[in-house]
Protein backbone atom coordinates (compact mmCIF):
# COMPACT_ATOMS: atom_id res chain seq x y z
CA UNK A 1 -75.84 -100.75 57.84
CA UNK A 2 -74.69 -98.44 54.75
CA UNK A 3 -77.55 -96.85 53.05
CA UNK A 4 -78.07 -95.45 49.22
CA UNK A 5 -77.71 -92.11 50.92
CA UNK A 6 -74.38 -92.85 52.55
CA UNK A 7 -73.25 -94.34 48.74
CA UNK A 8 -74.68 -91.39 47.07
CA UNK A 9 -72.62 -89.01 49.49
CA UNK A 10 -69.46 -91.05 49.18
CA UNK A 11 -69.75 -90.62 45.33
CA UNK A 12 -70.29 -86.77 45.67
CA UNK A 13 -67.07 -86.44 48.34
CA UNK A 14 -65.17 -88.11 45.35
CA UNK A 15 -65.80 -85.81 42.70
CA UNK A 16 -63.34 -82.84 42.35
CA UNK A 17 -64.44 -79.20 42.25
CA UNK A 18 -65.08 -77.71 38.92
CA UNK A 19 -62.37 -74.96 38.05
CA UNK A 20 -64.87 -72.19 37.73
CA UNK A 21 -65.67 -72.40 41.32
CA UNK A 22 -62.47 -71.06 42.66
CA UNK A 23 -62.90 -67.30 43.44
CA UNK A 24 -66.51 -67.63 43.42
CA UNK A 25 -66.69 -66.23 47.05
CA UNK A 26 -64.76 -63.14 45.75
CA UNK A 27 -67.00 -62.36 42.96
CA UNK A 28 -69.74 -62.81 45.04
CA UNK A 29 -68.77 -60.21 47.93
CA UNK A 30 -67.80 -57.90 45.08
CA UNK A 31 -71.19 -58.24 43.44
CA UNK A 32 -72.81 -57.41 46.79
CA UNK A 33 -70.57 -54.38 47.33
CA UNK A 34 -71.34 -53.02 44.02
CA UNK A 35 -75.02 -53.57 44.82
CA UNK A 36 -74.70 -51.74 48.19
CA UNK A 37 -72.63 -48.64 46.95
CA UNK A 38 -75.08 -48.26 43.72
CA UNK A 39 -78.17 -48.52 46.91
CA UNK A 40 -76.22 -45.94 48.81
CA UNK A 41 -75.77 -43.76 45.72
CA UNK A 42 -79.40 -43.86 44.89
CA UNK A 43 -80.26 -43.13 48.45
CA UNK A 44 -77.97 -39.80 48.17
CA UNK A 45 -79.55 -38.85 45.22
CA UNK A 46 -83.10 -39.55 46.86
CA UNK A 47 -82.10 -37.18 49.65
CA UNK A 48 -80.80 -34.44 47.55
CA UNK A 49 -84.17 -34.67 45.25
CA UNK A 50 -86.55 -34.31 48.52
CA UNK A 51 -83.99 -31.46 49.77
CA UNK A 52 -84.31 -29.64 46.53
CA UNK A 53 -87.97 -29.98 46.57
CA UNK A 54 -88.30 -28.54 50.12
CA UNK A 55 -86.23 -25.79 49.23
CA UNK A 56 -88.27 -24.71 45.90
CA UNK A 57 -91.73 -25.29 48.40
CA UNK A 58 -89.90 -23.07 51.18
CA UNK A 59 -89.18 -20.28 48.32
CA UNK A 60 -92.40 -20.43 47.17
CA UNK A 61 -94.47 -19.77 50.16
CA UNK A 62 -92.22 -17.54 52.33
CA UNK A 63 -93.41 -13.66 52.03
CA UNK A 64 -91.55 -11.77 50.00
CA UNK A 65 -91.77 -8.12 49.19
CA UNK A 66 -93.58 -7.17 46.21
CA UNK A 67 -91.31 -5.73 43.31
CA UNK A 68 -92.45 -2.41 42.23
CA UNK A 69 -91.73 -0.80 38.98
CA UNK A 70 -89.21 2.03 39.03
CA UNK A 71 -89.72 5.19 36.39
CA UNK A 72 -88.47 5.63 33.17
CA UNK A 73 -85.46 7.97 33.01
CA UNK A 74 -85.24 10.08 30.23
CA UNK A 75 -82.60 11.44 27.93
CA UNK A 76 -82.77 14.88 29.35
CA UNK A 77 -82.56 14.26 33.02
CA UNK A 78 -80.06 11.27 34.51
CA UNK A 79 -81.88 8.51 36.46
CA UNK A 80 -81.46 7.70 39.79
CA UNK A 81 -79.33 4.61 39.26
CA UNK A 82 -77.50 6.35 36.33
CA UNK A 83 -73.76 5.66 37.02
CA UNK A 84 -72.87 9.35 36.52
CA UNK A 85 -75.57 10.16 39.36
CA UNK A 86 -73.93 7.43 41.52
CA UNK A 87 -70.55 8.66 41.37
CA UNK A 88 -71.23 12.38 42.07
CA UNK A 89 -72.90 11.37 45.34
CA UNK A 90 -76.13 12.74 46.76
CA UNK A 91 -75.18 16.08 47.51
CA UNK A 92 -74.76 17.40 43.70
CA UNK A 93 -78.26 15.57 42.34
């Protein structure tokens, strides 16, 4: 007892494959690998961005020593950090 669907399946089985279908598995798997690599790269970029933000927040909130202005040295006396006074040592200042 043959039905209409059996005839259709037999006719479909006699049709040759389209030449463009050759190697479709390789192309599909290559596309999946490319998407996976892009996803890994975007996750890595996101992780680095979050890390940079955490470092920035930590640097802004951690206690720090207040900077103080140093006195200006005149030309008459050498400043405390002038190269000549640093080379002479603390005994000759």
